[in-house]
Structure formats: structure tokens, C-alpha cells
Amino acid sequence: MKLTFSPSSPFARKVRIAAIELGLVDKIEFTPTTVVPAQPNDAYSQITPLKKLPVLILDNGDVILDSYVIV
């Protein structure tokens, strides 16, 4: 699994803490990224057009948005 997140986001922090507490931290690749409202990020737009962080990409390619749903 791959978690794309903003290091300063409290929502991403919640997901990372849950991963640690559940013992999943070794199964997740953490990828910090930056999404700036006025600057397009084409690579990130291919993952999710909503440009919400954090995003969990499962091994089968499914994308899960929203920290509440990820946790």
C-alpha cells in the first residue's frame, strides 16, 4: 500500500498514527507530497482529480480518499 500525504496535515497524522497503532506501518509506503491550490500537480491529478490528501493506494490499484475512510 502507498499513502500519499502532506506532512503538515493533521488528517494525514491521524492516518499515520492509526497505521503505527495497528502494526501496519511496515506494509505502507509513505510518500509526502505538496498540493498548492494555484499550481497544478499533474502527477497527483492522475491519482485523484479531487486533489484531496491523504490518499491510500491499495496494492490492487484502488484509491481510498478521506482520512476517516482510510482509518
N, C-alpha and C. Protein backbone atom coordinates (compact mmCIF):
# COMPACT_ATOMS: atom_id res chain seq x y z
N MET A 1 0.84 -1.18 0.00
CA MET A 1 0.00 0.00 0.00
C MET A 1 0.88 1.23 0.00
N LYS A 2 0.33 2.31 -0.49
CA LYS A 2 1.08 3.55 -0.58
C LYS A 2 0.19 4.69 -0.06
N LEU A 3 0.69 5.45 0.89
CA LEU A 3 -0.05 6.58 1.44
C LEU A 3 0.61 7.87 0.95
N THR A 4 -0.14 8.64 0.19
CA THR A 4 0.32 9.95 -0.26
C THR A 4 -0.29 10.98 0.67
N PHE A 5 0.57 11.83 1.25
CA PHE A 5 0.09 12.73 2.30
C PHE A 5 0.89 14.02 2.32
N SER A 6 0.34 15.02 3.01
CA SER A 6 1.05 16.26 3.29
C SER A 6 1.60 16.16 4.71
N PRO A 7 2.89 16.35 4.91
CA PRO A 7 3.49 16.19 6.24
C PRO A 7 2.87 17.10 7.30
N SER A 8 2.33 18.23 6.93
CA SER A 8 1.76 19.15 7.91
C SER A 8 0.28 18.94 8.18
N SER A 9 -0.33 17.98 7.51
CA SER A 9 -1.77 17.77 7.63
C SER A 9 -2.12 16.99 8.90
N PRO A 10 -3.06 17.50 9.71
CA PRO A 10 -3.50 16.73 10.88
C PRO A 10 -4.27 15.48 10.48
N PHE A 11 -4.90 15.49 9.31
CA PHE A 11 -5.63 14.32 8.82
C PHE A 11 -4.65 13.20 8.46
N ALA A 12 -3.55 13.57 7.82
CA ALA A 12 -2.54 12.57 7.49
C ALA A 12 -1.88 12.04 8.76
N ARG A 13 -1.70 12.91 9.74
CA ARG A 13 -1.12 12.48 11.01
C ARG A 13 -2.00 11.43 11.67
N LYS A 14 -3.30 11.62 11.60
CA LYS A 14 -4.26 10.65 12.16
C LYS A 14 -4.10 9.29 11.48
N VAL A 15 -3.94 9.27 10.17
CA VAL A 15 -3.78 8.02 9.43
C VAL A 15 -2.46 7.35 9.78
N ARG A 16 -1.39 8.13 9.88
CA ARG A 16 -0.09 7.55 10.22
C ARG A 16 -0.09 6.98 11.63
N ILE A 17 -0.73 7.65 12.58
CA ILE A 17 -0.83 7.14 13.95
C ILE A 17 -1.62 5.83 13.97
N ALA A 18 -2.71 5.78 13.23
CA ALA A 18 -3.51 4.55 13.16
C ALA A 18 -2.69 3.40 12.58
N ALA A 19 -1.90 3.69 11.56
CA ALA A 19 -1.05 2.65 10.95
C ALA A 19 -0.03 2.12 11.96
N ILE A 20 0.54 3.01 12.74
CA ILE A 20 1.50 2.60 13.77
C ILE A 20 0.81 1.75 14.83
N GLU A 21 -0.32 2.22 15.32
CA GLU A 21 -1.05 1.52 16.38
C GLU A 21 -1.55 0.14 15.94
N LEU A 22 -1.91 0.02 14.66
CA LEU A 22 -2.42 -1.25 14.16
C LEU A 22 -1.32 -2.18 13.65
N GLY A 23 -0.07 -1.73 13.71
CA GLY A 23 1.05 -2.55 13.25
C GLY A 23 1.15 -2.66 11.75
N LEU A 24 0.63 -1.69 11.03
CA LEU A 24 0.65 -1.71 9.57
C LEU A 24 1.73 -0.82 8.97
N VAL A 25 2.50 -0.17 9.80
CA VAL A 25 3.46 0.81 9.31
C VAL A 25 4.50 0.18 8.36
N ASP A 26 4.82 -1.09 8.54
CA ASP A 26 5.79 -1.76 7.66
C ASP A 26 5.19 -2.16 6.31
N LYS A 27 3.87 -2.14 6.21
CA LYS A 27 3.19 -2.54 4.98
C LYS A 27 2.80 -1.35 4.11
N ILE A 28 3.06 -0.13 4.59
CA ILE A 28 2.65 1.08 3.89
C ILE A 28 3.89 1.88 3.47
N GLU A 29 3.93 2.27 2.22
CA GLU A 29 4.97 3.16 1.72
C GLU A 29 4.44 4.59 1.87
N PHE A 30 5.12 5.40 2.67
CA PHE A 30 4.68 6.77 2.93
C PHE A 30 5.35 7.71 1.93
N THR A 31 4.52 8.45 1.18
CA THR A 31 5.02 9.35 0.15
C THR A 31 4.52 10.76 0.42
N PRO A 32 5.37 11.63 0.98
CA PRO A 32 4.94 13.01 1.19
C PRO A 32 4.82 13.76 -0.14
N THR A 33 3.84 14.62 -0.23
CA THR A 33 3.64 15.41 -1.45
C THR A 33 3.06 16.77 -1.07
N THR A 34 3.12 17.68 -2.00
CA THR A 34 2.58 19.02 -1.78
C THR A 34 1.58 19.34 -2.88
N VAL A 35 0.43 19.81 -2.48
CA VAL A 35 -0.58 20.25 -3.44
C VAL A 35 -0.86 21.71 -3.12
N VAL A 36 -0.49 22.58 -4.06
CA VAL A 36 -0.69 24.02 -3.91
C VAL A 36 -1.88 24.43 -4.77
N PRO A 37 -2.86 25.13 -4.20
CA PRO A 37 -4.07 25.47 -4.95
C PRO A 37 -3.83 26.16 -6.29
N ALA A 38 -2.88 27.03 -6.39
CA ALA A 38 -2.69 27.79 -7.63
C ALA A 38 -1.75 27.11 -8.62
N GLN A 39 -1.12 26.01 -8.21
CA GLN A 39 -0.16 25.34 -9.08
C GLN A 39 -0.62 23.91 -9.37
N PRO A 40 -0.79 23.58 -10.65
CA PRO A 40 -1.22 22.22 -10.99
C PRO A 40 -0.13 21.19 -10.69
N ASN A 41 -0.55 20.04 -10.22
CA ASN A 41 0.36 18.92 -9.97
C ASN A 41 -0.18 17.76 -10.81
N ASP A 42 0.30 17.65 -12.04
CA ASP A 42 -0.25 16.68 -12.99
C ASP A 42 -0.09 15.24 -12.51
N ALA A 43 1.03 14.91 -11.89
CA ALA A 43 1.24 13.54 -11.41
C ALA A 43 0.21 13.18 -10.34
N TYR A 44 -0.06 14.11 -9.46
CA TYR A 44 -1.04 13.85 -8.41
C TYR A 44 -2.46 13.85 -8.95
N SER A 45 -2.73 14.66 -9.97
CA SER A 45 -4.06 14.71 -10.58
C SER A 45 -4.42 13.38 -11.23
N GLN A 46 -3.43 12.61 -11.64
CA GLN A 46 -3.70 11.29 -12.22
C GLN A 46 -4.15 10.30 -11.15
N ILE A 47 -3.71 10.51 -9.90
CA ILE A 47 -4.12 9.63 -8.80
C ILE A 47 -5.56 9.94 -8.43
N THR A 48 -5.86 11.21 -8.21
CA THR A 48 -7.21 11.61 -7.84
C THR A 48 -7.49 13.02 -8.36
N PRO A 49 -8.53 13.17 -9.15
CA PRO A 49 -8.86 14.51 -9.67
C PRO A 49 -9.36 15.46 -8.58
N LEU A 50 -9.76 14.93 -7.43
CA LEU A 50 -10.24 15.79 -6.34
C LEU A 50 -9.09 16.47 -5.60
N LYS A 51 -7.89 15.97 -5.74
CA LYS A 51 -6.69 16.53 -5.12
C LYS A 51 -6.83 16.64 -3.61
N LYS A 52 -7.41 15.62 -2.98
CA LYS A 52 -7.53 15.58 -1.54
C LYS A 52 -6.39 14.73 -0.96
N LEU A 53 -5.92 15.15 0.18
CA LEU A 53 -4.89 14.39 0.90
C LEU A 53 -5.43 14.04 2.27
N PRO A 54 -5.07 12.96 2.85
CA PRO A 54 -4.24 11.87 2.34
C PRO A 54 -5.03 10.95 1.40
N VAL A 55 -4.28 10.17 0.64
CA VAL A 55 -4.83 9.18 -0.28
C VAL A 55 -4.09 7.87 -0.04
N LEU A 56 -4.84 6.79 0.12
CA LEU A 56 -4.25 5.47 0.25
C LEU A 56 -4.47 4.71 -1.04
N ILE A 57 -3.38 4.25 -1.65
CA ILE A 57 -3.45 3.47 -2.88
C ILE A 57 -3.17 2.03 -2.50
N LEU A 58 -4.15 1.18 -2.70
CA LEU A 58 -4.02 -0.22 -2.35
C LEU A 58 -3.16 -0.96 -3.37
N ASP A 59 -2.72 -2.16 -3.02
CA ASP A 59 -1.87 -2.95 -3.90
C ASP A 59 -2.56 -3.30 -5.22
N ASN A 60 -3.89 -3.38 -5.23
CA ASN A 60 -4.62 -3.69 -6.46
C ASN A 60 -4.92 -2.45 -7.30
N GLY A 61 -4.48 -1.26 -6.83
CA GLY A 61 -4.66 -0.03 -7.58
C GLY A 61 -5.85 0.81 -7.15
N ASP A 62 -6.69 0.28 -6.27
CA ASP A 62 -7.82 1.05 -5.78
C ASP A 62 -7.33 2.24 -4.95
N VAL A 63 -8.05 3.35 -5.04
CA VAL A 63 -7.68 4.58 -4.34
C VAL A 63 -8.74 4.88 -3.29
N ILE A 64 -8.29 5.11 -2.05
CA ILE A 64 -9.20 5.46 -0.97
C ILE A 64 -8.89 6.88 -0.52
N LEU A 65 -9.93 7.74 -0.55
CA LEU A 65 -9.80 9.14 -0.16
C LEU A 65 -10.39 9.35 1.23
N ASP A 66 -10.00 10.41 1.88
CA ASP A 66 -10.54 10.86 3.15
C ASP A 66 -9.97 10.05 4.31
N SER A 67 -9.37 10.75 5.25
CA SER A 67 -8.71 10.10 6.38
C SER A 67 -9.68 9.25 7.19
N TYR A 68 -10.92 9.69 7.33
CA TYR A 68 -11.92 8.93 8.07
C TYR A 68 -12.14 7.55 7.44
N VAL A 69 -12.23 7.52 6.13
CA VAL A 69 -12.46 6.27 5.40
C VAL A 69 -11.20 5.40 5.44
N ILE A 70 -10.03 6.01 5.30
CA ILE A 70 -8.78 5.26 5.34
C ILE A 70 -8.59 4.57 6.68
N VAL A 71 -8.84 5.30 7.77
CA VAL A 71 -8.67 4.74 9.11
C VAL A 71 -9.72 3.68 9.34
